[in-house]
């Protein structure tokens, strides 16, 4: 699926189904932009149970989209994480990130507490990945 000026919208197999008027990701040149991913099981399109499981699933959903364009977590150049409870969810995000990035180095990250997320989820993570087209 193509957008304007060489932007290609992504809908890879294994990704969640968008719940509205948005795409799960886009490629523009050598960069892949992944929309905010939440703790949704792609098989059922339902939120998974448990706070840590939701954080892990959000990161897994982001990784699926990046991987569809040849990018891995080491190719992440920026993360933005939204949480509904900084004191409760941020430590889970840190723990999951520490595991996924094998102790670092870590990409630049912004984490923000918000009042509410879609479907009353507790976390949403979006990423930008460097994935040269001529790899």
C-alpha atoms as a PDB file:
ATOM      1  CA  UNK A   1       0.000   0.000   0.000  1.00  0.00           C
ATOM      2  CA  UNK A   2       1.464   3.365  -0.959  1.00  0.00           C
ATOM      3  CA  UNK A   3       1.038   6.795   0.480  1.00  0.00           C
ATOM      4  CA  UNK A   4       2.399   9.942  -1.129  1.00  0.00           C
ATOM      5  CA  UNK A   5       5.980  10.740  -2.185  1.00  0.00           C
ATOM      6  CA  UNK A   6       7.361   7.233  -1.768  1.00  0.00           C
ATOM      7  CA  UNK A   7       5.817   6.492   1.618  1.00  0.00           C
ATOM      8  CA  UNK A   8       4.753   2.857   1.828  1.00  0.00           C
ATOM      9  CA  UNK A   9       2.155   1.931   4.434  1.00  0.00           C
ATOM     10  CA  UNK A  10       2.654  -1.376   6.230  1.00  0.00           C
ATOM     11  CA  UNK A  11       0.228  -4.155   7.088  1.00  0.00           C
ATOM     12  CA  UNK A  12       2.460  -7.192   7.689  1.00  0.00           C
ATOM     13  CA  UNK A  13       1.236 -10.676   8.462  1.00  0.00           C
ATOM     14  CA  UNK A  14       1.166 -11.260  12.214  1.00  0.00           C
ATOM     15  CA  UNK A  15       0.461  -7.623  13.068  1.00  0.00           C
ATOM     16  CA  UNK A  16      -2.580  -6.425  14.965  1.00  0.00           C
ATOM     17  CA  UNK A  17      -5.563  -5.115  13.023  1.00  0.00           C
ATOM     18  CA  UNK A  18      -5.919  -1.342  13.320  1.00  0.00           C
ATOM     19  CA  UNK A  19      -8.935  -0.290  15.383  1.00  0.00           C
ATOM     20  CA  UNK A  20      -9.599   2.796  13.306  1.00  0.00           C
ATOM     21  CA  UNK A  21      -8.316   5.059  10.592  1.00  0.00           C
ATOM     22  CA  UNK A  22      -4.593   4.354  10.928  1.00  0.00           C
ATOM     23  CA  UNK A  23      -1.858   2.024   9.678  1.00  0.00           C
ATOM     24  CA  UNK A  24       0.410  -0.017  11.939  1.00  0.00           C
ATOM     25  CA  UNK A  25       3.514   1.344  10.262  1.00  0.00           C
ATOM     26  CA  UNK A  26       5.099   3.112   7.333  1.00  0.00           C
ATOM     27  CA  UNK A  27       8.374   3.042   5.466  1.00  0.00           C
ATOM     28  CA  UNK A  28       9.812   6.330   4.233  1.00  0.00           C
ATOM     29  CA  UNK A  29      13.208   5.912   2.629  1.00  0.00           C
ATOM     30  CA  UNK A  30      15.533   4.093   5.002  1.00  0.00           C
ATOM     31  CA  UNK A  31      13.301   4.552   8.033  1.00  0.00           C
ATOM     32  CA  UNK A  32      10.421   2.492   9.389  1.00  0.00           C
ATOM     33  CA  UNK A  33       7.904   4.207  11.634  1.00  0.00           C
ATOM     34  CA  UNK A  34       5.797   1.978  13.863  1.00  0.00           C
ATOM     35  CA  UNK A  35       2.516   3.313  15.201  1.00  0.00           C
ATOM     36  CA  UNK A  36       1.728   3.104  18.893  1.00  0.00           C
ATOM     37  CA  UNK A  37       1.440  -0.569  19.791  1.00  0.00           C
ATOM     38  CA  UNK A  38      -0.427  -1.758  22.840  1.00  0.00           C
ATOM     39  CA  UNK A  39      -0.859  -5.028  24.708  1.00  0.00           C
ATOM     40  CA  UNK A  40      -3.091  -6.614  22.076  1.00  0.00           C
ATOM     41  CA  UNK A  41      -2.757 -10.270  21.100  1.00  0.00           C
ATOM     42  CA  UNK A  42      -2.582 -10.222  17.276  1.00  0.00           C
ATOM     43  CA  UNK A  43      -4.319 -13.619  17.052  1.00  0.00           C
ATOM     44  CA  UNK A  44      -7.451 -12.484  18.886  1.00  0.00           C
ATOM     45  CA  UNK A  45      -7.142  -8.670  18.660  1.00  0.00           C
ATOM     46  CA  UNK A  46      -7.893  -8.536  22.387  1.00  0.00           C
ATOM     47  CA  UNK A  47      -5.865  -7.104  25.248  1.00  0.00           C
ATOM     48  CA  UNK A  48      -3.775  -9.686  27.069  1.00  0.00           C
ATOM     49  CA  UNK A  49      -4.183 -10.128  30.821  1.00  0.00           C
ATOM     50  CA  UNK A  50      -1.629  -8.756  33.275  1.00  0.00           C
ATOM     51  CA  UNK A  51       0.429  -5.585  33.324  1.00  0.00           C
ATOM     52  CA  UNK A  52       3.818  -7.105  32.448  1.00  0.00           C
ATOM     53  CA  UNK A  53       2.258  -9.270  29.737  1.00  0.00           C
ATOM     54  CA  UNK A  54       0.745  -6.145  28.178  1.00  0.00           C
ATOM     55  CA  UNK A  55       4.096  -4.355  28.189  1.00  0.00           C
ATOM     56  CA  UNK A  56       5.812  -7.383  26.614  1.00  0.00           C
ATOM     57  CA  UNK A  57       3.069  -7.722  24.010  1.00  0.00           C
ATOM     58  CA  UNK A  58       3.260  -4.032  23.087  1.00  0.00           C
ATOM     59  CA  UNK A  59       7.001  -4.364  22.441  1.00  0.00           C
ATOM     60  CA  UNK A  60       6.472  -7.656  20.569  1.00  0.00           C
ATOM     61  CA  UNK A  61       3.870  -6.011  18.326  1.00  0.00           C
ATOM     62  CA  UNK A  62       6.279  -3.171  17.565  1.00  0.00           C
ATOM     63  CA  UNK A  63       9.075  -5.659  16.851  1.00  0.00           C
ATOM     64  CA  UNK A  64       6.845  -7.624  14.437  1.00  0.00           C
ATOM     65  CA  UNK A  65       6.239  -4.576  12.278  1.00  0.00           C
ATOM     66  CA  UNK A  66       9.884  -3.484  12.319  1.00  0.00           C
ATOM     67  CA  UNK A  67      11.021  -7.027  11.471  1.00  0.00           C
ATOM     68  CA  UNK A  68       8.700  -7.114   8.471  1.00  0.00           C
ATOM     69  CA  UNK A  69      10.981  -4.449   6.963  1.00  0.00           C
ATOM     70  CA  UNK A  70      14.252  -6.064   8.021  1.00  0.00           C
ATOM     71  CA  UNK A  71      14.816  -4.074  11.221  1.00  0.00           C
ATOM     72  CA  UNK A  72      15.635  -5.463  14.626  1.00  0.00           C
ATOM     73  CA  UNK A  73      15.555  -3.859  18.039  1.00  0.00           C
ATOM     74  CA  UNK A  74      19.211  -2.828  17.636  1.00  0.00           C
ATOM     75  CA  UNK A  75      18.053  -0.707  14.673  1.00  0.00           C
ATOM     76  CA  UNK A  76      15.687   1.345  16.826  1.00  0.00           C
ATOM     77  CA  UNK A  77      16.643   5.023  16.767  1.00  0.00           C
ATOM     78  CA  UNK A  78      13.814   6.357  18.941  1.00  0.00           C
ATOM     79  CA  UNK A  79      11.130   5.062  21.283  1.00  0.00           C
ATOM     80  CA  UNK A  80       8.139   6.849  22.730  1.00  0.00           C
ATOM     81  CA  UNK A  81       6.282   5.104  25.543  1.00  0.00           C
ATOM     82  CA  UNK A  82       2.967   6.208  27.010  1.00  0.00           C
ATOM     83  CA  UNK A  83       1.893   4.814  30.392  1.00  0.00           C
ATOM     84  CA  UNK A  84      -1.170   5.453  32.514  1.00  0.00           C
ATOM     85  CA  UNK A  85       0.756   5.045  35.789  1.00  0.00           C
ATOM     86  CA  UNK A  86       4.384   6.180  35.772  1.00  0.00           C
ATOM     87  CA  UNK A  87       5.173   4.726  39.198  1.00  0.00           C
ATOM     88  CA  UNK A  88       3.623   1.336  38.448  1.00  0.00           C
ATOM     89  CA  UNK A  89       4.250   0.750  34.740  1.00  0.00           C
ATOM     90  CA  UNK A  90       7.613   2.468  34.127  1.00  0.00           C
ATOM     91  CA  UNK A  91       9.537  -0.162  36.138  1.00  0.00           C
ATOM     92  CA  UNK A  92       7.906  -2.881  34.008  1.00  0.00           C
ATOM     93  CA  UNK A  93       8.845  -1.040  30.815  1.00  0.00           C
ATOM     94  CA  UNK A  94      12.431  -0.717  32.081  1.00  0.00           C
ATOM     95  CA  UNK A  95      12.624  -4.429  32.977  1.00  0.00           C
ATOM     96  CA  UNK A  96      11.216  -5.567  29.620  1.00  0.00           C
ATOM     97  CA  UNK A  97      13.495  -3.192  27.715  1.00  0.00           C
ATOM     98  CA  UNK A  98      16.511  -4.394  29.680  1.00  0.00           C
ATOM     99  CA  UNK A  99      15.718  -7.976  28.638  1.00  0.00           C
ATOM    100  CA  UNK A 100      14.872  -7.204  25.004  1.00  0.00           C
ATOM    101  CA  UNK A 101      17.974  -5.063  24.470  1.00  0.00           C
ATOM    102  CA  UNK A 102      20.133  -7.526  26.445  1.00  0.00           C
ATOM    103  CA  UNK A 103      21.351  -4.914  28.903  1.00  0.00           C
ATOM    104  CA  UNK A 104      21.968  -2.142  26.361  1.00  0.00           C
ATOM    105  CA  UNK A 105      22.854  -0.032  24.642  1.00  0.00           C
ATOM    106  CA  UNK A 106      19.353   1.390  24.594  1.00  0.00           C
ATOM    107  CA  UNK A 107      17.785   3.706  22.016  1.00  0.00           C
ATOM    108  CA  UNK A 108      16.741   7.232  22.963  1.00  0.00           C
ATOM    109  CA  UNK A 109      13.387   7.052  24.730  1.00  0.00           C
ATOM    110  CA  UNK A 110      10.682   9.410  25.857  1.00  0.00           C
ATOM    111  CA  UNK A 111       8.221   8.102  28.426  1.00  0.00           C
ATOM    112  CA  UNK A 112       5.105  10.068  29.272  1.00  0.00           C
ATOM    113  CA  UNK A 113       2.272   9.493  31.719  1.00  0.00           C
ATOM    114  CA  UNK A 114      -1.147   9.993  30.155  1.00  0.00           C
ATOM    115  CA  UNK A 115      -4.617   9.982  31.635  1.00  0.00           C
ATOM    116  CA  UNK A 116      -6.036   7.326  29.373  1.00  0.00           C
ATOM    117  CA  UNK A 117      -5.205   5.061  26.428  1.00  0.00           C
ATOM    118  CA  UNK A 118      -7.520   3.393  23.933  1.00  0.00           C
ATOM    119  CA  UNK A 119      -9.462   0.427  25.370  1.00  0.00           C
ATOM    120  CA  UNK A 120      -8.215   1.493  28.814  1.00  0.00           C
ATOM    121  CA  UNK A 121      -4.833  -0.102  28.141  1.00  0.00           C
ATOM    122  CA  UNK A 122      -1.909   0.785  30.418  1.00  0.00           C
ATOM    123  CA  UNK A 123       0.944   1.125  27.902  1.00  0.00           C
ATOM    124  CA  UNK A 124       1.570   2.126  24.305  1.00  0.00           C
ATOM    125  CA  UNK A 125       4.951   2.073  22.585  1.00  0.00           C
ATOM    126  CA  UNK A 126       5.954   3.498  19.212  1.00  0.00           C
ATOM    127  CA  UNK A 127       9.316   3.249  17.518  1.00  0.00           C
ATOM    128  CA  UNK A 128      11.377   4.563  14.657  1.00  0.00           C
ATOM    129  CA  UNK A 129      13.834   2.143  13.050  1.00  0.00           C
ATOM    130  CA  UNK A 130      16.720   2.565  10.629  1.00  0.00           C
ATOM    131  CA  UNK A 131      16.414  -0.093   7.943  1.00  0.00           C
ATOM    132  CA  UNK A 132      18.280   0.786   4.757  1.00  0.00           C
ATOM    133  CA  UNK A 133      16.451  -0.516   1.721  1.00  0.00           C
ATOM    134  CA  UNK A 134      19.679  -1.820   0.181  1.00  0.00           C
ATOM    135  CA  UNK A 135      20.758  -4.067   3.059  1.00  0.00           C
END
